[in-house]
Amino acid sequence: MTTPTTDDTDTRAPATIDGADIRVPATILGVGLGGFADGIVLHQVLQWHHMLSSTGSDNVGVKSYPVDTVPGLEMNTLWDGIFHVVTWVAVLAGLALLYSRVTRSRGRLWRSPVLWGWALVGWGLFNLVEGVVDHHLFGIHHVRGGEYQTWWDLGFLALGAALVAGGWLVQRRGTAVDLCADRR
């Protein structure tokens, strides 16, 4: 334990950082986590779609890779893997940026509504961008193909918008990230 001094100068790092300092890293982390959730749940567990599962009827003229053939499934698996690499890199980049901005009491960061709010915003942005680009503009896959695929795709966009709005509300609960609550 250190003895208190009468000197008012304190050269240590500030006990908090502005929530804006983690906005970009947390959003990138959320993009990666949202991509993982999409890839793991929709591509692998439920097998509703793969990256190229609607090619042949897409809007950009990509060769057909039907998932009910071995060559088609191999190509879709390859592109699902590339998709997972990109989401993994986003998670690593988000974590690396967070680490570089928070140098003390990192444990408190994980309890911050600022972090989780911006991560939800990132997840929602992932859904919105991926939904608009892959489902609607390119048409290379849909959330769930078939008779109601447009409704599934619109639901995916609505979920993305809800995540952005919810994340925005959550992050507003905290104004700064408390790094050293025990320091007064």
C-alpha atoms as a PDB file:
ATOM      1  CA  MET A   1       0.000   0.000   0.000  1.00  0.00           C
ATOM      2  CA  THR A   2       1.326   3.448  -0.857  1.00  0.00           C
ATOM      3  CA  THR A   3       1.394   6.376   1.514  1.00  0.00           C
ATOM      4  CA  PRO A   4      -0.768   9.321   0.412  1.00  0.00           C
ATOM      5  CA  THR A   5       1.113  12.478  -0.418  1.00  0.00           C
ATOM      6  CA  THR A   6       0.125  16.115  -0.335  1.00  0.00           C
ATOM      7  CA  ASP A   7       1.333  16.596  -3.913  1.00  0.00           C
ATOM      8  CA  ASP A   8      -1.700  17.074  -6.176  1.00  0.00           C
ATOM      9  CA  THR A   9       0.127  16.188  -9.372  1.00  0.00           C
ATOM     10  CA  ASP A  10      -0.831  12.780 -10.710  1.00  0.00           C
ATOM     11  CA  THR A  11       0.984  11.569 -13.783  1.00  0.00           C
ATOM     12  CA  ARG A  12      -0.822   8.236 -14.026  1.00  0.00           C
ATOM     13  CA  ALA A  13      -3.203   7.466 -16.879  1.00  0.00           C
ATOM     14  CA  PRO A  14      -6.752   8.766 -16.456  1.00  0.00           C
ATOM     15  CA  ALA A  15      -9.152   6.492 -14.556  1.00  0.00           C
ATOM     16  CA  THR A  16     -11.664   6.558 -17.407  1.00  0.00           C
ATOM     17  CA  ILE A  17     -11.631   6.875 -21.145  1.00  0.00           C
ATOM     18  CA  ASP A  18     -14.333   8.482 -23.208  1.00  0.00           C
ATOM     19  CA  GLY A  19     -16.760   5.919 -24.586  1.00  0.00           C
ATOM     20  CA  ALA A  20     -15.987   7.246 -28.068  1.00  0.00           C
ATOM     21  CA  ASP A  21     -12.461   5.838 -27.707  1.00  0.00           C
ATOM     22  CA  ILE A  22     -13.804   2.298 -27.981  1.00  0.00           C
ATOM     23  CA  ARG A  23     -16.586   2.959 -30.501  1.00  0.00           C
ATOM     24  CA  VAL A  24     -14.673   1.708 -33.566  1.00  0.00           C
ATOM     25  CA  PRO A  25     -12.996  -1.308 -31.925  1.00  0.00           C
ATOM     26  CA  ALA A  26     -16.258  -2.429 -30.316  1.00  0.00           C
ATOM     27  CA  THR A  27     -18.152  -2.003 -33.588  1.00  0.00           C
ATOM     28  CA  ILE A  28     -15.552  -4.043 -35.492  1.00  0.00           C
ATOM     29  CA  LEU A  29     -15.766  -6.708 -32.779  1.00  0.00           C
ATOM     30  CA  GLY A  30     -19.547  -6.725 -33.186  1.00  0.00           C
ATOM     31  CA  VAL A  31     -19.268  -7.094 -36.971  1.00  0.00           C
ATOM     32  CA  GLY A  32     -17.060 -10.159 -36.494  1.00  0.00           C
ATOM     33  CA  LEU A  33     -19.273 -11.690 -33.809  1.00  0.00           C
ATOM     34  CA  GLY A  34     -22.376 -11.064 -35.931  1.00  0.00           C
ATOM     35  CA  GLY A  35     -20.688 -12.763 -38.870  1.00  0.00           C
ATOM     36  CA  PHE A  36     -19.766 -15.732 -36.702  1.00  0.00           C
ATOM     37  CA  ALA A  37     -23.366 -16.031 -35.463  1.00  0.00           C
ATOM     38  CA  ASP A  38     -24.644 -15.938 -39.053  1.00  0.00           C
ATOM     39  CA  GLY A  39     -22.067 -18.421 -40.332  1.00  0.00           C
ATOM     40  CA  ILE A  40     -22.343 -20.862 -37.469  1.00  0.00           C
ATOM     41  CA  VAL A  41     -26.121 -20.819 -36.981  1.00  0.00           C
ATOM     42  CA  LEU A  42     -27.488 -20.190 -40.493  1.00  0.00           C
ATOM     43  CA  HIS A  43     -24.735 -21.775 -42.631  1.00  0.00           C
ATOM     44  CA  GLN A  44     -23.686 -24.729 -40.502  1.00  0.00           C
ATOM     45  CA  VAL A  45     -26.242 -25.639 -37.823  1.00  0.00           C
ATOM     46  CA  LEU A  46     -29.515 -24.889 -39.627  1.00  0.00           C
ATOM     47  CA  GLN A  47     -27.975 -25.178 -43.123  1.00  0.00           C
ATOM     48  CA  TRP A  48     -30.465 -22.650 -44.477  1.00  0.00           C
ATOM     49  CA  HIS A  49     -27.945 -21.161 -46.858  1.00  0.00           C
ATOM     50  CA  HIS A  50     -24.306 -20.994 -47.852  1.00  0.00           C
ATOM     51  CA  MET A  51     -22.364 -18.125 -49.396  1.00  0.00           C
ATOM     52  CA  LEU A  52     -23.185 -19.144 -52.979  1.00  0.00           C
ATOM     53  CA  SER A  53     -26.366 -21.167 -52.486  1.00  0.00           C
ATOM     54  CA  SER A  54     -28.514 -18.931 -54.735  1.00  0.00           C
ATOM     55  CA  THR A  55     -26.021 -18.555 -57.569  1.00  0.00           C
ATOM     56  CA  GLY A  56     -27.398 -19.350 -60.972  1.00  0.00           C
ATOM     57  CA  SER A  57     -30.443 -17.208 -60.161  1.00  0.00           C
ATOM     58  CA  ASP A  58     -28.463 -14.323 -58.644  1.00  0.00           C
ATOM     59  CA  ASN A  59     -28.310 -10.719 -59.874  1.00  0.00           C
ATOM     60  CA  VAL A  60     -24.603 -10.674 -60.834  1.00  0.00           C
ATOM     61  CA  GLY A  61     -24.220 -13.746 -63.040  1.00  0.00           C
ATOM     62  CA  VAL A  62     -22.190 -16.038 -60.790  1.00  0.00           C
ATOM     63  CA  LYS A  63     -22.021 -19.631 -62.028  1.00  0.00           C
ATOM     64  CA  SER A  64     -24.479 -21.958 -60.287  1.00  0.00           C
ATOM     65  CA  TYR A  65     -23.121 -23.901 -57.311  1.00  0.00           C
ATOM     66  CA  PRO A  66     -26.072 -26.014 -56.111  1.00  0.00           C
ATOM     67  CA  VAL A  67     -25.671 -27.317 -52.579  1.00  0.00           C
ATOM     68  CA  ASP A  68     -27.191 -30.683 -53.481  1.00  0.00           C
ATOM     69  CA  THR A  69     -24.164 -31.672 -55.583  1.00  0.00           C
ATOM     70  CA  VAL A  70     -20.692 -32.526 -54.303  1.00  0.00           C
ATOM     71  CA  PRO A  71     -18.890 -29.888 -56.461  1.00  0.00           C
ATOM     72  CA  GLY A  72     -21.494 -27.262 -55.517  1.00  0.00           C
ATOM     73  CA  LEU A  73     -21.246 -28.062 -51.829  1.00  0.00           C
ATOM     74  CA  GLU A  74     -17.425 -28.017 -52.030  1.00  0.00           C
ATOM     75  CA  MET A  75     -17.466 -24.521 -53.559  1.00  0.00           C
ATOM     76  CA  ASN A  76     -20.025 -23.288 -51.032  1.00  0.00           C
ATOM     77  CA  THR A  77     -17.978 -24.758 -48.185  1.00  0.00           C
ATOM     78  CA  LEU A  78     -14.870 -22.985 -49.502  1.00  0.00           C
ATOM     79  CA  TRP A  79     -16.675 -19.635 -49.622  1.00  0.00           C
ATOM     80  CA  ASP A  80     -18.233 -20.232 -46.196  1.00  0.00           C
ATOM     81  CA  GLY A  81     -14.681 -20.787 -44.938  1.00  0.00           C
ATOM     82  CA  ILE A  82     -13.466 -17.543 -46.541  1.00  0.00           C
ATOM     83  CA  PHE A  83     -16.415 -15.786 -44.912  1.00  0.00           C
ATOM     84  CA  HIS A  84     -15.395 -17.233 -41.520  1.00  0.00           C
ATOM     85  CA  VAL A  85     -11.788 -16.106 -42.025  1.00  0.00           C
ATOM     86  CA  VAL A  86     -13.002 -12.541 -42.648  1.00  0.00           C
ATOM     87  CA  THR A  87     -15.201 -12.590 -39.533  1.00  0.00           C
ATOM     88  CA  TRP A  88     -12.350 -14.084 -37.483  1.00  0.00           C
ATOM     89  CA  VAL A  89     -10.023 -11.292 -38.655  1.00  0.00           C
ATOM     90  CA  ALA A  90     -12.683  -8.731 -37.685  1.00  0.00           C
ATOM     91  CA  VAL A  91     -12.898 -10.206 -34.168  1.00  0.00           C
ATOM     92  CA  LEU A  92      -9.097 -10.204 -33.820  1.00  0.00           C
ATOM     93  CA  ALA A  93      -8.838  -6.640 -35.150  1.00  0.00           C
ATOM     94  CA  GLY A  94     -11.558  -5.440 -32.776  1.00  0.00           C
ATOM     95  CA  LEU A  95      -9.866  -7.121 -29.803  1.00  0.00           C
ATOM     96  CA  ALA A  96      -6.432  -5.782 -30.781  1.00  0.00           C
ATOM     97  CA  LEU A  97      -7.782  -2.240 -31.084  1.00  0.00           C
ATOM     98  CA  LEU A  98      -9.564  -2.535 -27.740  1.00  0.00           C
ATOM     99  CA  TYR A  99      -6.381  -3.822 -26.119  1.00  0.00           C
ATOM    100  CA  SER A 100      -4.373  -0.918 -27.509  1.00  0.00           C
ATOM    101  CA  ARG A 101      -6.813   1.671 -26.176  1.00  0.00           C
ATOM    102  CA  VAL A 102      -7.375   0.222 -22.721  1.00  0.00           C
ATOM    103  CA  THR A 103      -4.122  -0.201 -20.836  1.00  0.00           C
ATOM    104  CA  ARG A 104      -5.341  -0.600 -17.248  1.00  0.00           C
ATOM    105  CA  SER A 105      -8.092  -2.588 -15.539  1.00  0.00           C
ATOM    106  CA  ARG A 106      -9.187  -4.336 -18.713  1.00  0.00           C
ATOM    107  CA  GLY A 107     -11.588  -6.473 -16.683  1.00  0.00           C
ATOM    108  CA  ARG A 108     -13.867  -3.483 -16.125  1.00  0.00           C
ATOM    109  CA  LEU A 109     -14.107  -2.961 -19.882  1.00  0.00           C
ATOM    110  CA  TRP A 110     -16.060  -6.224 -20.275  1.00  0.00           C
ATOM    111  CA  ARG A 111     -18.782  -4.921 -17.927  1.00  0.00           C
ATOM    112  CA  SER A 112     -19.190  -1.656 -19.819  1.00  0.00           C
ATOM    113  CA  PRO A 113     -22.495  -0.902 -21.551  1.00  0.00           C
ATOM    114  CA  VAL A 114     -20.457   1.232 -23.964  1.00  0.00           C
ATOM    115  CA  LEU A 115     -18.548  -1.839 -25.200  1.00  0.00           C
ATOM    116  CA  TRP A 116     -21.593  -4.084 -25.543  1.00  0.00           C
ATOM    117  CA  GLY A 117     -23.765  -1.363 -27.014  1.00  0.00           C
ATOM    118  CA  TRP A 118     -21.272  -0.679 -29.781  1.00  0.00           C
ATOM    119  CA  ALA A 119     -20.748  -4.420 -30.310  1.00  0.00           C
ATOM    120  CA  LEU A 120     -24.514  -4.763 -30.880  1.00  0.00           C
ATOM    121  CA  VAL A 121     -24.366  -1.835 -33.306  1.00  0.00           C
ATOM    122  CA  GLY A 122     -21.592  -3.655 -35.183  1.00  0.00           C
ATOM    123  CA  TRP A 123     -23.605  -6.873 -35.286  1.00  0.00           C
ATOM    124  CA  GLY A 124     -26.602  -4.973 -36.631  1.00  0.00           C
ATOM    125  CA  LEU A 125     -24.447  -3.235 -39.232  1.00  0.00           C
ATOM    126  CA  PHE A 126     -23.149  -6.634 -40.317  1.00  0.00           C
ATOM    127  CA  ASN A 127     -26.737  -7.852 -40.816  1.00  0.00           C
ATOM    128  CA  LEU A 128     -27.741  -4.715 -42.707  1.00  0.00           C
ATOM    129  CA  VAL A 129     -24.744  -4.638 -45.049  1.00  0.00           C
ATOM    130  CA  GLU A 130     -24.624  -8.397 -45.633  1.00  0.00           C
ATOM    131  CA  GLY A 131     -28.399  -8.505 -46.067  1.00  0.00           C
ATOM    132  CA  VAL A 132     -28.558  -5.650 -48.550  1.00  0.00           C
ATOM    133  CA  VAL A 133     -25.483  -6.696 -50.543  1.00  0.00           C
ATOM    134  CA  ASP A 134     -25.661 -10.518 -50.588  1.00  0.00           C
ATOM    135  CA  HIS A 135     -29.429 -11.051 -50.302  1.00  0.00           C
ATOM    136  CA  HIS A 136     -30.829  -8.148 -52.302  1.00  0.00           C
ATOM    137  CA  LEU A 137     -28.207  -6.567 -54.596  1.00  0.00           C
ATOM    138  CA  PHE A 138     -26.172  -9.626 -55.583  1.00  0.00           C
ATOM    139  CA  GLY A 139     -28.767 -12.267 -54.704  1.00  0.00           C
ATOM    140  CA  ILE A 140     -26.016 -14.875 -54.200  1.00  0.00           C
ATOM    141  CA  HIS A 141     -27.848 -16.348 -51.213  1.00  0.00           C
ATOM    142  CA  HIS A 142     -30.899 -15.751 -49.071  1.00  0.00           C
ATOM    143  CA  VAL A 143     -31.516 -16.309 -45.377  1.00  0.00           C
ATOM    144  CA  ARG A 144     -33.782 -19.189 -46.257  1.00  0.00           C
ATOM    145  CA  GLY A 145     -34.595 -19.985 -49.850  1.00  0.00           C
ATOM    146  CA  GLY A 146     -38.028 -20.897 -51.126  1.00  0.00           C
ATOM    147  CA  GLU A 147     -41.472 -19.414 -51.307  1.00  0.00           C
ATOM    148  CA  TYR A 148     -40.995 -16.907 -48.465  1.00  0.00           C
ATOM    149  CA  GLN A 149     -37.332 -16.021 -49.044  1.00  0.00           C
ATOM    150  CA  THR A 150     -38.071 -12.297 -49.439  1.00  0.00           C
ATOM    151  CA  TRP A 151     -39.767 -12.265 -46.014  1.00  0.00           C
ATOM    152  CA  TRP A 152     -36.831 -14.090 -44.415  1.00  0.00           C
ATOM    153  CA  ASP A 153     -34.436 -11.576 -46.010  1.00  0.00           C
ATOM    154  CA  LEU A 154     -36.536  -8.638 -44.819  1.00  0.00           C
ATOM    155  CA  GLY A 155     -36.683 -10.162 -41.329  1.00  0.00           C
ATOM    156  CA  PHE A 156     -32.877 -10.381 -41.339  1.00  0.00           C
ATOM    157  CA  LEU A 157     -32.721  -6.666 -42.195  1.00  0.00           C
ATOM    158  CA  ALA A 158     -35.278  -5.864 -39.476  1.00  0.00           C
ATOM    159  CA  LEU A 159     -33.175  -7.802 -36.959  1.00  0.00           C
ATOM    160  CA  GLY A 160     -30.119  -5.806 -38.067  1.00  0.00           C
ATOM    161  CA  ALA A 161     -31.976  -2.506 -37.607  1.00  0.00           C
ATOM    162  CA  ALA A 162     -33.207  -3.644 -34.167  1.00  0.00           C
ATOM    163  CA  LEU A 163     -29.653  -4.583 -33.128  1.00  0.00           C
ATOM    164  CA  VAL A 164     -28.327  -1.178 -34.237  1.00  0.00           C
ATOM    165  CA  ALA A 165     -31.121   0.641 -32.376  1.00  0.00           C
ATOM    166  CA  GLY A 166     -30.804  -1.547 -29.270  1.00  0.00           C
ATOM    167  CA  GLY A 167     -27.023  -1.224 -29.264  1.00  0.00           C
ATOM    168  CA  TRP A 168     -27.286   2.540 -29.607  1.00  0.00           C
ATOM    169  CA  LEU A 169     -29.588   2.666 -26.571  1.00  0.00           C
ATOM    170  CA  VAL A 170     -27.357   0.352 -24.512  1.00  0.00           C
ATOM    171  CA  GLN A 171     -24.155   2.318 -25.222  1.00  0.00           C
ATOM    172  CA  ARG A 172     -25.857   5.577 -24.250  1.00  0.00           C
ATOM    173  CA  ARG A 173     -26.226   4.219 -20.675  1.00  0.00           C
ATOM    174  CA  GLY A 174     -22.493   4.694 -20.157  1.00  0.00           C
ATOM    175  CA  THR A 175     -20.546   7.838 -20.934  1.00  0.00           C
ATOM    176  CA  ALA A 176     -17.085   6.602 -20.074  1.00  0.00           C
ATOM    177  CA  VAL A 177     -15.368   3.292 -19.555  1.00  0.00           C
ATOM    178  CA  ASP A 178     -14.299   2.988 -15.920  1.00  0.00           C
ATOM    179  CA  LEU A 179     -10.758   1.667 -15.895  1.00  0.00           C
ATOM    180  CA  CYS A 180      -9.836   2.148 -12.274  1.00  0.00           C
ATOM    181  CA  ALA A 181     -12.905   2.441 -10.068  1.00  0.00           C
ATOM    182  CA  ASP A 182     -10.774   1.984  -6.956  1.00  0.00           C
ATOM    183  CA  ARG A 183      -8.700   5.081  -7.727  1.00  0.00           C
ATOM    184  CA  ARG A 184     -10.247   8.319  -6.478  1.00  0.00           C
END
